[in-house]
Protein backbone atom coordinates (compact mmCIF):
# COMPACT_ATOMS: atom_id res chain seq x y z
CA MET A 1 84.43 90.01 127.74
CA LEU A 2 81.44 90.58 125.36
CA ARG A 3 81.58 86.83 124.30
CA ARG A 4 81.35 85.15 128.32
CA SER A 5 78.38 88.21 129.10
CA ASP A 6 76.63 86.40 125.23
CA GLY A 7 78.01 82.66 126.79
CA PHE A 8 76.44 83.39 130.15
CA TYR A 9 72.32 84.71 128.33
CA THR A 10 72.69 81.22 126.08
CA THR A 11 73.52 79.25 129.40
CA ALA A 12 71.11 80.89 131.55
CA LEU A 13 68.07 80.63 128.40
CA LEU A 14 69.42 76.66 128.20
CA GLN A 15 68.51 76.09 131.76
CA ALA A 16 65.12 77.58 131.79
CA GLU A 17 64.56 75.00 129.50
CA ARG A 18 65.06 72.74 131.43
CA GLY A 19 63.53 74.46 134.78
CA MET A 20 66.93 75.58 136.62
CA TYR A 21 65.08 79.01 137.44
CA ASP A 22 67.47 79.86 140.15
CA LEU A 23 70.62 78.96 138.33
CA ALA A 24 69.64 80.96 134.89
CA VAL A 25 68.67 83.59 137.32
CA PHE A 26 72.14 83.76 138.04
CA SER A 27 73.23 83.50 134.55
CA LEU A 28 71.58 86.55 133.19
CA GLU A 29 73.28 88.78 136.42
CA GLN A 30 76.48 87.32 135.26
CA SER A 31 75.61 88.64 131.51
CA LEU A 32 74.32 91.76 132.61
CA GLN A 33 76.92 92.58 134.27
CA LEU A 34 79.88 91.99 132.10
CA TYR A 35 77.66 93.60 129.44
CA LEU A 36 78.15 96.97 131.43
CA LYS A 37 81.73 96.03 132.70
CA ALA A 38 82.58 95.81 128.50
CA ALA A 39 80.27 99.27 127.72
CA LEU A 40 82.45 101.06 130.22
CA LEU A 41 85.93 99.98 129.55
CA LYS A 42 84.97 99.71 125.24
CA ASN A 43 84.47 104.12 127.10
CA GLY A 44 87.61 104.21 128.56
CA VAL A 45 86.43 103.39 132.35
CA ASP A 46 88.52 101.35 134.04
CA PHE A 47 87.72 98.10 134.82
CA PRO A 48 84.89 98.65 137.48
CA ARG A 49 85.58 97.03 140.93
CA THR A 50 82.05 96.61 141.86
CA HIS A 51 79.29 93.57 141.23
CA GLY A 52 76.74 96.01 141.49
CA ILE A 53 74.53 95.60 137.87
CA ARG A 54 72.95 99.29 138.72
CA SER A 55 76.37 100.85 140.25
CA LEU A 56 77.68 100.20 136.89
CA LEU A 57 74.32 100.90 135.06
CA ASN A 58 74.51 104.63 137.01
CA MET A 59 78.87 105.04 136.14
CA LEU A 60 77.08 104.28 131.79
CA ALA A 61 74.72 106.54 132.76
CA GLU A 62 76.37 109.42 134.21
CA LEU A 63 78.88 108.50 130.87
CA THR A 64 77.05 108.63 128.88
CA GLY A 65 74.24 112.15 129.50
CA LYS A 66 71.72 110.01 127.23
CA GLU A 67 68.52 109.75 129.65
CA ALA A 68 67.54 106.64 127.82
CA VAL A 69 70.34 105.32 130.15
CA LYS A 70 69.49 106.96 133.65
CA GLN A 71 65.19 106.34 132.91
CA LEU A 72 66.06 102.57 132.82
CA GLN A 73 67.38 102.85 135.97
CA THR A 74 63.85 103.98 136.71
CA THR A 75 62.13 101.81 135.02
CA TYR A 76 63.87 97.79 136.08
CA GLY A 77 64.84 98.89 139.76
CA VAL A 78 63.24 95.94 140.59
CA GLU A 79 64.13 93.65 138.21
CA LEU A 80 67.53 94.79 138.96
CA GLY A 81 67.84 94.92 141.94
CA SER A 82 66.91 91.29 142.08
CA LEU A 83 69.78 90.67 139.49
CA GLU A 84 71.89 92.03 142.38
CA ASP A 85 70.25 89.62 144.74
CA ALA A 86 70.71 86.57 142.47
CA TYR A 87 73.97 87.57 142.67
CA ILE A 88 74.70 87.19 146.15
CA VAL A 89 71.61 84.39 147.35
CA SER A 90 72.92 82.14 144.68
CA ARG A 91 75.91 81.40 146.96
CA TYR A 92 74.66 81.44 150.01
CA LEU A 93 70.76 80.78 150.45
CA PRO A 94 68.82 78.86 148.43
CA ARG A 95 65.85 80.36 146.79
CA THR A 96 63.79 79.47 144.08
CA TYR A 97 62.40 80.85 141.34
CA THR A 98 59.42 80.32 138.89
CA ALA A 99 59.36 80.47 135.06
CA ALA A 100 57.08 83.66 135.13
CA GLU A 101 60.49 85.24 137.76
CA PHE A 102 62.99 84.30 134.56
CA GLU A 103 60.84 86.02 132.09
CA ARG A 104 60.01 89.43 133.39
CA LEU A 105 64.28 88.95 134.27
CA ARG A 106 65.14 88.20 131.21
CA GLU A 107 63.42 90.93 129.10
CA ALA A 108 64.69 93.43 131.97
CA VAL A 109 68.21 92.77 130.72
CA GLU A 110 66.84 92.40 126.67
CA ARG A 111 66.28 95.84 127.72
CA VAL A 112 68.40 97.65 129.10
CA ARG A 113 71.25 95.26 126.54
CA ALA A 114 69.47 97.04 123.45
CA VAL A 115 69.58 100.44 125.54
CA VAL A 116 72.19 100.59 126.42
CA GLY A 117 74.09 99.32 122.72
CA GLU A 118 71.92 101.69 121.29
CA VAL A 119 73.06 104.52 123.01
CA LEU A 120 77.06 103.65 123.20
CA GLY A 121 76.85 102.32 119.23
CA GLY A 122 77.47 98.58 119.39
């Protein structure tokens, strides 16, 4: 699952290089969703039946009890909501993203991954 998460992240960067920001944002969402699911599985939580990034992050916050994980929801709430929207919108509605929006979401994904990886030891 981590390998697929990394693959979606790399794909997002390649799509962004080509100006395909709508697909790049969808790939960022997939990358983070798989990363959070892998973190939960690594820590003994059954495979979560949700696609919601905020729900997955909340599960990790409860699992770890770490303030740093809880704080991610507050700090990146708008970005996490936008990523969740990208998951749905990419299938049903035409939505374009700008380079600046992609970069803001990419930075949020990287920070969430860094904090969760640090708290869970990898």
